[in-house]
PDB file of N, CA and C in Angstrom:
ATOM      1  N   MET A   1       6.300   7.524 -25.827  1.00  0.00           N
ATOM      2  CA  MET A   1       5.629   6.204 -25.639  1.00  0.00           C
ATOM      3  C   MET A   1       4.149   6.122 -25.276  1.00  0.00           C
ATOM      4  N   LYS A   2       3.982   5.518 -26.289  1.00  0.00           N
ATOM      5  CA  LYS A   2       2.080   5.083 -26.402  1.00  0.00           C
ATOM      6  C   LYS A   2       1.881   3.898 -25.934  1.00  0.00           C
ATOM      7  N   ILE A   3       0.930   3.710 -25.085  1.00  0.00           N
ATOM      8  CA  ILE A   3       0.347   2.829 -24.487  1.00  0.00           C
ATOM      9  C   ILE A   3      -0.661   1.880 -25.748  1.00  0.00           C
ATOM     10  N   ASP A   4      -0.118   0.752 -25.841  1.00  0.00           N
ATOM     11  CA  ASP A   4      -1.071  -0.045 -26.859  1.00  0.00           C
ATOM     12  C   ASP A   4      -2.092  -1.574 -25.994  1.00  0.00           C
ATOM     13  N   ASN A   5      -3.146  -1.976 -26.825  1.00  0.00           N
ATOM     14  CA  ASN A   5      -3.909  -2.680 -26.063  1.00  0.00           C
ATOM     15  C   ASN A   5      -3.128  -4.085 -25.397  1.00  0.00           C
ATOM     16  N   GLU A   6      -1.691  -4.202 -26.397  1.00  0.00           N
ATOM     17  CA  GLU A   6      -1.082  -5.293 -25.607  1.00  0.00           C
ATOM     18  C   GLU A   6      -0.641  -4.910 -24.824  1.00  0.00           C
ATOM     19  N   THR A   7       0.299  -4.022 -24.202  1.00  0.00           N
ATOM     20  CA  THR A   7       1.042  -3.188 -22.991  1.00  0.00           C
ATOM     21  C   THR A   7      -0.452  -3.407 -21.874  1.00  0.00           C
ATOM     22  N   VAL A   8      -1.564  -3.192 -22.198  1.00  0.00           N
ATOM     23  CA  VAL A   8      -2.765  -3.071 -21.523  1.00  0.00           C
ATOM     24  C   VAL A   8      -3.066  -4.103 -20.883  1.00  0.00           C
ATOM     25  N   ASP A   9      -2.642  -5.003 -21.998  1.00  0.00           N
ATOM     26  CA  ASP A   9      -3.261  -6.763 -21.482  1.00  0.00           C
ATOM     27  C   ASP A   9      -1.862  -7.564 -20.611  1.00  0.00           C
ATOM     28  N   LYS A  10      -0.861  -6.468 -20.744  1.00  0.00           N
ATOM     29  CA  LYS A  10       0.499  -7.149 -20.093  1.00  0.00           C
ATOM     30  C   LYS A  10       0.380  -6.758 -18.798  1.00  0.00           C
ATOM     31  N   ILE A  11       0.059  -5.629 -18.624  1.00  0.00           N
ATOM     32  CA  ILE A  11       0.117  -4.823 -17.091  1.00  0.00           C
ATOM     33  C   ILE A  11      -1.077  -5.646 -16.519  1.00  0.00           C
ATOM     34  N   ALA A  12      -2.290  -5.906 -17.284  1.00  0.00           N
ATOM     35  CA  ALA A  12      -3.685  -6.106 -16.444  1.00  0.00           C
ATOM     36  C   ALA A  12      -2.865  -7.860 -15.877  1.00  0.00           C
ATOM     37  N   HIS A  13      -2.410  -8.516 -16.539  1.00  0.00           N
ATOM     38  CA  HIS A  13      -2.217 -10.184 -15.952  1.00  0.00           C
ATOM     39  C   HIS A  13      -0.940 -10.074 -15.044  1.00  0.00           C
ATOM     40  N   LEU A  14       0.279  -8.709 -15.098  1.00  0.00           N
ATOM     41  CA  LEU A  14       0.893  -8.713 -13.845  1.00  0.00           C
ATOM     42  C   LEU A  14      -0.136  -7.895 -12.765  1.00  0.00           C
ATOM     43  N   ALA A  15      -1.129  -7.641 -12.529  1.00  0.00           N
ATOM     44  CA  ALA A  15      -1.730  -7.070 -11.626  1.00  0.00           C
ATOM     45  C   ALA A  15      -3.430  -7.713 -11.445  1.00  0.00           C
ATOM     46  N   ARG A  16      -3.161  -9.154 -12.187  1.00  0.00           N
ATOM     47  CA  ARG A  16      -4.166 -10.088 -11.941  1.00  0.00           C
ATOM     48  C   ARG A  16      -5.447  -9.323 -12.056  1.00  0.00           C
ATOM     49  N   LEU A  17      -5.666  -8.600 -12.940  1.00  0.00           N
ATOM     50  CA  LEU A  17      -6.966  -7.749 -13.728  1.00  0.00           C
ATOM     51  C   LEU A  17      -7.548  -8.415 -14.676  1.00  0.00           C
ATOM     52  N   GLU A  18      -8.850  -7.941 -15.164  1.00  0.00           N
ATOM     53  CA  GLU A  18      -9.447  -8.603 -16.494  1.00  0.00           C
ATOM     54  C   GLU A  18      -9.862  -7.345 -16.790  1.00  0.00           C
ATOM     55  N   PHE A  19     -10.011  -6.895 -18.093  1.00  0.00           N
ATOM     56  CA  PHE A  19     -10.243  -5.856 -18.735  1.00  0.00           C
ATOM     57  C   PHE A  19     -11.549  -6.295 -19.955  1.00  0.00           C
ATOM     58  N   GLU A  20     -12.961  -5.906 -19.397  1.00  0.00           N
ATOM     59  CA  GLU A  20     -13.969  -6.033 -21.174  1.00  0.00           C
ATOM     60  C   GLU A  20     -13.267  -4.877 -22.203  1.00  0.00           C
ATOM     61  N   ASN A  21     -13.539  -5.135 -23.175  1.00  0.00           N
ATOM     62  CA  ASN A  21     -12.877  -4.135 -24.316  1.00  0.00           C
ATOM     63  C   ASN A  21     -13.648  -2.838 -24.020  1.00  0.00           C
ATOM     64  N   GLU A  22     -14.476  -2.252 -23.641  1.00  0.00           N
ATOM     65  CA  GLU A  22     -15.200  -1.009 -23.240  1.00  0.00           C
ATOM     66  C   GLU A  22     -14.071  -0.248 -22.083  1.00  0.00           C
ATOM     67  N   SER A  23     -13.714  -1.184 -21.252  1.00  0.00           N
ATOM     68  CA  SER A  23     -12.870  -0.718 -19.621  1.00  0.00           C
ATOM     69  C   SER A  23     -11.587  -0.675 -20.453  1.00  0.00           C
ATOM     70  N   LYS A  24     -11.155  -1.606 -21.116  1.00  0.00           N
ATOM     71  CA  LYS A  24      -9.335  -1.637 -21.908  1.00  0.00           C
ATOM     72  C   LYS A  24      -9.262  -0.211 -22.077  1.00  0.00           C
ATOM     73  N   GLU A  25     -10.360   0.086 -23.370  1.00  0.00           N
ATOM     74  CA  GLU A  25     -10.182   1.255 -24.140  1.00  0.00           C
ATOM     75  C   GLU A  25     -10.048   2.553 -22.907  1.00  0.00           C
ATOM     76  N   GLU A  26     -10.883   2.562 -21.917  1.00  0.00           N
ATOM     77  CA  GLU A  26     -10.468   3.958 -20.540  1.00  0.00           C
ATOM     78  C   GLU A  26      -9.563   3.647 -20.061  1.00  0.00           C
ATOM     79  N   ILE A  27      -9.422   2.296 -19.646  1.00  0.00           N
ATOM     80  CA  ILE A  27      -7.638   2.584 -19.249  1.00  0.00           C
ATOM     81  C   ILE A  27      -6.695   2.947 -19.749  1.00  0.00           C
ATOM     82  N   LYS A  28      -6.510   2.329 -21.534  1.00  0.00           N
ATOM     83  CA  LYS A  28      -5.696   2.447 -21.911  1.00  0.00           C
ATOM     84  C   LYS A  28      -5.724   3.920 -22.380  1.00  0.00           C
ATOM     85  N   LYS A  29      -6.493   5.125 -22.307  1.00  0.00           N
ATOM     86  CA  LYS A  29      -6.828   6.202 -22.459  1.00  0.00           C
ATOM     87  C   LYS A  29      -6.344   6.702 -21.247  1.00  0.00           C
ATOM     88  N   ASP A  30      -6.535   6.117 -20.037  1.00  0.00           N
ATOM     89  CA  ASP A  30      -6.025   6.764 -18.511  1.00  0.00           C
ATOM     90  C   ASP A  30      -4.315   6.832 -18.637  1.00  0.00           C
ATOM     91  N   MET A  31      -4.159   5.422 -19.000  1.00  0.00           N
ATOM     92  CA  MET A  31      -2.525   5.606 -18.785  1.00  0.00           C
ATOM     93  C   MET A  31      -1.956   6.359 -19.754  1.00  0.00           C
ATOM     94  N   ASN A  32      -2.445   6.678 -21.187  1.00  0.00           N
ATOM     95  CA  ASN A  32      -1.842   7.804 -21.871  1.00  0.00           C
ATOM     96  C   ASN A  32      -2.015   8.891 -21.460  1.00  0.00           C
ATOM     97  N   ASN A  33      -2.874   8.997 -20.807  1.00  0.00           N
ATOM     98  CA  ASN A  33      -3.018  10.545 -19.919  1.00  0.00           C
ATOM     99  C   ASN A  33      -1.687  10.743 -19.124  1.00  0.00           C
ATOM    100  N   MET A  34      -1.823   9.634 -18.588  1.00  0.00           N
ATOM    101  CA  MET A  34      -0.684   9.596 -17.148  1.00  0.00           C
ATOM    102  C   MET A  34       0.630   9.734 -17.511  1.00  0.00           C
ATOM    103  N   LEU A  35       1.153   8.953 -19.033  1.00  0.00           N
ATOM    104  CA  LEU A  35       2.261   9.397 -19.544  1.00  0.00           C
ATOM    105  C   LEU A  35       2.630  10.708 -20.088  1.00  0.00           C
ATOM    106  N   SER A  36       1.535  11.643 -20.372  1.00  0.00           N
ATOM    107  CA  SER A  36       1.699  13.181 -20.903  1.00  0.00           C
ATOM    108  C   SER A  36       1.768  13.878 -20.020  1.00  0.00           C
ATOM    109  N   PHE A  37       1.521  13.397 -19.028  1.00  0.00           N
ATOM    110  CA  PHE A  37       1.529  13.903 -17.702  1.00  0.00           C
ATOM    111  C   PHE A  37       2.931  14.131 -17.474  1.00  0.00           C
ATOM    112  N   VAL A  38       3.376  12.646 -17.365  1.00  0.00           N
ATOM    113  CA  VAL A  38       4.749  12.766 -17.049  1.00  0.00           C
ATOM    114  C   VAL A  38       6.027  13.424 -18.051  1.00  0.00           C
ATOM    115  N   ASP A  39       5.520  12.985 -19.344  1.00  0.00           N
ATOM    116  CA  ASP A  39       6.358  13.963 -20.506  1.00  0.00           C
ATOM    117  C   ASP A  39       5.903  15.231 -20.240  1.00  0.00           C
ATOM    118  N   LYS A  40       5.245  15.880 -19.734  1.00  0.00           N
ATOM    119  CA  LYS A  40       5.244  17.237 -19.435  1.00  0.00           C
ATOM    120  C   LYS A  40       5.992  17.669 -18.534  1.00  0.00           C
ATOM    121  N   LEU A  41       6.505  17.196 -17.440  1.00  0.00           N
ATOM    122  CA  LEU A  41       7.594  17.041 -16.243  1.00  0.00           C
ATOM    123  C   LEU A  41       8.770  17.272 -16.757  1.00  0.00           C
ATOM    124  N   ASN A  42       9.160  16.189 -17.884  1.00  0.00           N
ATOM    125  CA  ASN A  42      10.391  16.302 -18.575  1.00  0.00           C
ATOM    126  C   ASN A  42      10.795  17.925 -19.092  1.00  0.00           C
ATOM    127  N   GLU A  43       9.825  19.099 -19.242  1.00  0.00           N
ATOM    128  CA  GLU A  43      10.382  19.922 -20.214  1.00  0.00           C
ATOM    129  C   GLU A  43      10.489  21.218 -19.119  1.00  0.00           C
ATOM    130  N   LEU A  44      10.637  20.661 -17.406  1.00  0.00           N
ATOM    131  CA  LEU A  44      11.295  21.673 -16.475  1.00  0.00           C
ATOM    132  C   LEU A  44      12.467  21.171 -16.885  1.00  0.00           C
ATOM    133  N   GLU A  45      13.190  22.816 -16.327  1.00  0.00           N
ATOM    134  CA  GLU A  45      14.740  22.872 -15.946  1.00  0.00           C
ATOM    135  C   GLU A  45      14.943  22.085 -14.664  1.00  0.00           C
ATOM    136  N   THR A  46      15.671  21.268 -14.432  1.00  0.00           N
ATOM    137  CA  THR A  46      15.739  20.726 -13.194  1.00  0.00           C
ATOM    138  C   THR A  46      17.377  20.648 -12.860  1.00  0.00           C
ATOM    139  N   SER A  47      18.458  21.054 -13.959  1.00  0.00           N
ATOM    140  CA  SER A  47      20.091  20.893 -13.419  1.00  0.00           C
ATOM    141  C   SER A  47      20.291  21.455 -12.457  1.00  0.00           C
ATOM    142  N   ASN A  48      19.761  22.425 -12.010  1.00  0.00           N
ATOM    143  CA  ASN A  48      20.227  22.920 -10.514  1.00  0.00           C
ATOM    144  C   ASN A  48      19.135  22.832  -9.443  1.00  0.00           C
ATOM    145  N   ILE A  49      18.640  21.568  -9.357  1.00  0.00           N
ATOM    146  CA  ILE A  49      17.698  21.104  -8.167  1.00  0.00           C
ATOM    147  C   ILE A  49      18.172  19.779  -7.552  1.00  0.00           C
ATOM    148  N   GLU A  50      18.316  19.853  -6.403  1.00  0.00           N
ATOM    149  CA  GLU A  50      18.966  18.940  -5.792  1.00  0.00           C
ATOM    150  C   GLU A  50      17.719  17.649  -5.407  1.00  0.00           C
ATOM    151  N   PRO A  51      18.090  16.191  -5.840  1.00  0.00           N
ATOM    152  CA  PRO A  51      16.690  15.496  -5.715  1.00  0.00           C
ATOM    153  C   PRO A  51      16.186  15.681  -4.046  1.00  0.00           C
ATOM    154  N   LEU A  52      15.140  15.325  -4.099  1.00  0.00           N
ATOM    155  CA  LEU A  52      13.863  15.230  -2.867  1.00  0.00           C
ATOM    156  C   LEU A  52      14.479  14.003  -2.234  1.00  0.00           C
ATOM    157  N   ILE A  53      14.879  13.319  -1.441  1.00  0.00           N
ATOM    158  CA  ILE A  53      14.346  12.374  -1.002  1.00  0.00           C
ATOM    159  C   ILE A  53      13.554  12.250   0.988  1.00  0.00           C
ATOM    160  N   TYR A  54      13.515  13.549   0.879  1.00  0.00           N
ATOM    161  CA  TYR A  54      12.400  13.162   2.076  1.00  0.00           C
ATOM    162  C   TYR A  54      11.265  14.601   1.984  1.00  0.00           C
ATOM    163  N   MET A  55      10.085  13.956   2.035  1.00  0.00           N
ATOM    164  CA  MET A  55       9.039  15.310   1.728  1.00  0.00           C
ATOM    165  C   MET A  55       9.012  16.549   2.655  1.00  0.00           C
ATOM    166  N   SER A  56      10.087  16.291   4.123  1.00  0.00           N
ATOM    167  CA  SER A  56      10.188  17.448   4.926  1.00  0.00           C
ATOM    168  C   SER A  56      11.311  17.041   4.949  1.00  0.00           C
ATOM    169  N   ASP A  57      11.885  18.266   5.924  1.00  0.00           N
ATOM    170  CA  ASP A  57      12.953  18.284   6.715  1.00  0.00           C
ATOM    171  C   ASP A  57      12.731  17.530   8.092  1.00  0.00           C
ATOM    172  N   LYS A  58      11.532  17.587   8.653  1.00  0.00           N
ATOM    173  CA  LYS A  58      11.453  17.321  10.041  1.00  0.00           C
ATOM    174  C   LYS A  58      12.480  15.567  10.579  1.00  0.00           C
ATOM    175  N   VAL A  59      12.963  15.785  11.254  1.00  0.00           N
ATOM    176  CA  VAL A  59      13.186  14.355  12.173  1.00  0.00           C
ATOM    177  C   VAL A  59      12.371  13.926  12.826  1.00  0.00           C
ATOM    178  N   ASN A  60      12.275  12.193  12.522  1.00  0.00           N
ATOM    179  CA  ASN A  60      11.966  11.181  13.928  1.00  0.00           C
ATOM    180  C   ASN A  60      12.213  11.153  14.700  1.00  0.00           C
ATOM    181  N   VAL A  61      11.557  11.579  15.785  1.00  0.00           N
ATOM    182  CA  VAL A  61      12.071  11.308  17.016  1.00  0.00           C
ATOM    183  C   VAL A  61      11.591  10.205  17.798  1.00  0.00           C
ATOM    184  N   MET A  62      12.695   9.399  17.683  1.00  0.00           N
ATOM    185  CA  MET A  62      12.304   7.786  18.771  1.00  0.00           C
ATOM    186  C   MET A  62      12.228   7.862  19.824  1.00  0.00           C
ATOM    187  N   ARG A  63      11.278   7.306  20.613  1.00  0.00           N
ATOM    188  CA  ARG A  63      11.486   7.133  21.909  1.00  0.00           C
ATOM    189  C   ARG A  63      12.505   5.568  22.112  1.00  0.00           C
ATOM    190  N   GLU A  64      12.553   5.896  23.681  1.00  0.00           N
ATOM    191  CA  GLU A  64      13.098   4.643  24.075  1.00  0.00           C
ATOM    192  C   GLU A  64      12.509   3.573  24.091  1.00  0.00           C
ATOM    193  N   ASP A  65      12.682   2.209  23.566  1.00  0.00           N
ATOM    194  CA  ASP A  65      11.808   0.949  23.556  1.00  0.00           C
ATOM    195  C   ASP A  65      11.801   0.056  25.012  1.00  0.00           C
ATOM    196  N   ASP A  66      11.334   0.915  26.019  1.00  0.00           N
ATOM    197  CA  ASP A  66      10.977   0.204  27.445  1.00  0.00           C
ATOM    198  C   ASP A  66       9.845  -0.792  27.462  1.00  0.00           C
ATOM    199  N   VAL A  67      10.500  -2.012  28.000  1.00  0.00           N
ATOM    200  CA  VAL A  67       9.487  -3.117  28.084  1.00  0.00           C
ATOM    201  C   VAL A  67       8.388  -2.810  29.538  1.00  0.00           C
ATOM    202  N   LYS A  68       7.306  -2.907  29.538  1.00  0.00           N
ATOM    203  CA  LYS A  68       6.308  -2.534  30.854  1.00  0.00           C
ATOM    204  C   LYS A  68       5.575  -3.859  30.900  1.00  0.00           C
ATOM    205  N   ASN A  69       5.520  -4.576  31.790  1.00  0.00           N
ATOM    206  CA  ASN A  69       4.699  -5.614  32.214  1.00  0.00           C
ATOM    207  C   ASN A  69       2.989  -4.735  32.895  1.00  0.00           C
ATOM    208  N   ASP A  70       1.899  -4.371  32.354  1.00  0.00           N
ATOM    209  CA  ASP A  70       1.383  -3.602  32.642  1.00  0.00           C
ATOM    210  C   ASP A  70       0.132  -4.460  33.792  1.00  0.00           C
ATOM    211  N   ILE A  71      -0.144  -5.833  32.927  1.00  0.00           N
ATOM    212  CA  ILE A  71      -1.061  -6.225  33.568  1.00  0.00           C
ATOM    213  C   ILE A  71      -0.435  -8.158  33.495  1.00  0.00           C
ATOM    214  N   THR A  72      -0.743  -8.865  34.269  1.00  0.00           N
ATOM    215  CA  THR A  72      -0.314  -9.953  34.085  1.00  0.00           C
ATOM    216  C   THR A  72      -1.134 -10.947  32.840  1.00  0.00           C
ATOM    217  N   GLN A  73      -0.869 -12.271  32.744  1.00  0.00           N
ATOM    218  CA  GLN A  73      -1.623 -13.193  31.807  1.00  0.00           C
ATOM    219  C   GLN A  73      -3.041 -13.157  32.229  1.00  0.00           C
ATOM    220  N   ASP A  74      -2.548 -13.565  33.771  1.00  0.00           N
ATOM    221  CA  ASP A  74      -4.321 -14.227  34.383  1.00  0.00           C
ATOM    222  C   ASP A  74      -5.054 -12.979  34.563  1.00  0.00           C
ATOM    223  N   GLU A  75      -4.614 -11.623  34.455  1.00  0.00           N
ATOM    224  CA  GLU A  75      -5.123 -10.460  35.046  1.00  0.00           C
ATOM    225  C   GLU A  75      -5.787 -10.141  33.036  1.00  0.00           C
ATOM    226  N   ALA A  76      -5.375 -10.265  32.371  1.00  0.00           N
ATOM    227  CA  ALA A  76      -5.768  -9.862  31.168  1.00  0.00           C
ATOM    228  C   ALA A  76      -6.630 -11.565  30.943  1.00  0.00           C
ATOM    229  N   LEU A  77      -6.542 -12.447  31.257  1.00  0.00           N
ATOM    230  CA  LEU A  77      -7.765 -13.378  30.891  1.00  0.00           C
ATOM    231  C   LEU A  77      -8.795 -13.527  31.480  1.00  0.00           C
ATOM    232  N   LYS A  78      -8.774 -12.829  32.577  1.00  0.00           N
ATOM    233  CA  LYS A  78      -9.272 -12.578  33.514  1.00  0.00           C
ATOM    234  C   LYS A  78     -11.071 -11.992  32.975  1.00  0.00           C
ATOM    235  N   ASN A  79     -10.203 -10.812  32.373  1.00  0.00           N
ATOM    236  CA  ASN A  79     -11.751 -10.117  31.376  1.00  0.00           C
ATOM    237  C   ASN A  79     -11.931 -10.829  30.169  1.00  0.00           C
ATOM    238  N   ALA A  80     -11.290 -12.169  29.309  1.00  0.00           N
ATOM    239  CA  ALA A  80     -12.029 -12.891  27.956  1.00  0.00           C
ATOM    240  C   ALA A  80     -13.588 -13.194  28.588  1.00  0.00           C
ATOM    241  N   PRO A  81     -14.320 -12.794  27.590  1.00  0.00           N
ATOM    242  CA  PRO A  81     -15.250 -13.705  27.808  1.00  0.00           C
ATOM    243  C   PRO A  81     -15.133 -15.327  27.772  1.00  0.00           C
ATOM    244  N   LYS A  82     -14.464 -15.935  26.687  1.00  0.00           N
ATOM    245  CA  LYS A  82     -13.614 -17.391  26.589  1.00  0.00           C
ATOM    246  C   LYS A  82     -12.219 -17.287  26.623  1.00  0.00           C
ATOM    247  N   HIS A  83     -11.396 -18.388  27.460  1.00  0.00           N
ATOM    248  CA  HIS A  83     -10.697 -18.747  27.608  1.00  0.00           C
ATOM    249  C   HIS A  83     -10.099 -19.889  27.906  1.00  0.00           C
ATOM    250  N   ASP A  84      -8.690 -20.406  27.803  1.00  0.00           N
ATOM    251  CA  ASP A  84      -8.327 -21.655  28.584  1.00  0.00           C
ATOM    252  C   ASP A  84      -7.288 -21.272  29.459  1.00  0.00           C
ATOM    253  N   SER A  85      -6.687 -22.011  30.035  1.00  0.00           N
ATOM    254  CA  SER A  85      -5.497 -21.554  30.720  1.00  0.00           C
ATOM    255  C   SER A  85      -4.447 -20.546  30.452  1.00  0.00           C
ATOM    256  N   ASP A  86      -4.514 -20.124  28.882  1.00  0.00           N
ATOM    257  CA  ASP A  86      -3.113 -19.704  28.373  1.00  0.00           C
ATOM    258  C   ASP A  86      -3.498 -18.358  27.681  1.00  0.00           C
ATOM    259  N   TYR A  87      -4.929 -18.735  27.197  1.00  0.00           N
ATOM    260  CA  TYR A  87      -5.186 -18.254  25.777  1.00  0.00           C
ATOM    261  C   TYR A  87      -6.416 -17.666  25.490  1.00  0.00           C
ATOM    262  N   PHE A  88      -6.420 -16.873  25.018  1.00  0.00           N
ATOM    263  CA  PHE A  88      -8.008 -16.124  24.392  1.00  0.00           C
ATOM    264  C   PHE A  88      -8.457 -17.493  23.576  1.00  0.00           C
ATOM    265  N   LYS A  89      -9.960 -17.213  23.672  1.00  0.00           N
ATOM    266  CA  LYS A  89     -10.585 -18.382  22.853  1.00  0.00           C
ATOM    267  C   LYS A  89     -11.354 -17.318  21.997  1.00  0.00           C
ATOM    268  N   VAL A  90     -11.287 -17.313  20.624  1.00  0.00           N
ATOM    269  CA  VAL A  90     -12.166 -16.263  19.767  1.00  0.00           C
ATOM    270  C   VAL A  90     -12.662 -17.656  18.588  1.00  0.00           C
ATOM    271  N   SER A  91     -13.919 -16.886  17.767  1.00  0.00           N
ATOM    272  CA  SER A  91     -14.779 -17.958  16.774  1.00  0.00           C
ATOM    273  C   SER A  91     -13.930 -18.052  15.830  1.00  0.00           C
ATOM    274  N   LYS A  92     -14.142 -19.071  15.281  1.00  0.00           N
ATOM    275  CA  LYS A  92     -13.282 -18.917  13.888  1.00  0.00           C
ATOM    276  C   LYS A  92     -13.848 -18.183  12.724  1.00  0.00           C
ATOM    277  N   VAL A  93     -12.774 -17.202  12.172  1.00  0.00           N
ATOM    278  CA  VAL A  93     -12.884 -16.529  11.473  1.00  0.00           C
ATOM    279  C   VAL A  93     -13.055 -16.528   9.636  1.00  0.00           C
ATOM    280  N   ILE A  94     -11.826 -17.568   9.388  1.00  0.00           N
ATOM    281  CA  ILE A  94     -11.718 -18.089   8.137  1.00  0.00           C
ATOM    282  C   ILE A  94     -12.165 -19.368   7.893  1.00  0.00           C
ATOM    283  N   ASN A  95     -13.113 -19.437   6.984  1.00  0.00           N
ATOM    284  CA  ASN A  95     -13.576 -20.934   6.431  1.00  0.00           C
ATOM    285  C   ASN A  95     -12.697 -21.325   5.656  1.00  0.00           C
ATOM    286  N   LYS A  96     -12.202 -22.823   5.299  1.00  0.00           N
ATOM    287  CA  LYS A  96     -11.870 -23.026   3.938  1.00  0.00           C
ATOM    288  C   LYS A  96     -12.326 -23.737   3.002  1.00  0.00           C
TER     289      LYS A  96
END
């Protein structure tokens, strides 16, 4: 399979990207290189190899989820520079 300009345009649209003509040629070249690398992997003999599900055989050890109330709400608010009776007050971050 070869990547053409139409395929690059379709993928760019799906990814909400825009490419100039020079950049489009570079992207097309890079995508074709990726596909040729994947095709190279198809040359390997994999009939006796089981599929890899996890990258390691280690098991994730989960701790018990114990609820702890280390400090009260009043204690937390006491250290805040700005607060009202129940919440922290912070500066507006997002402008519309």
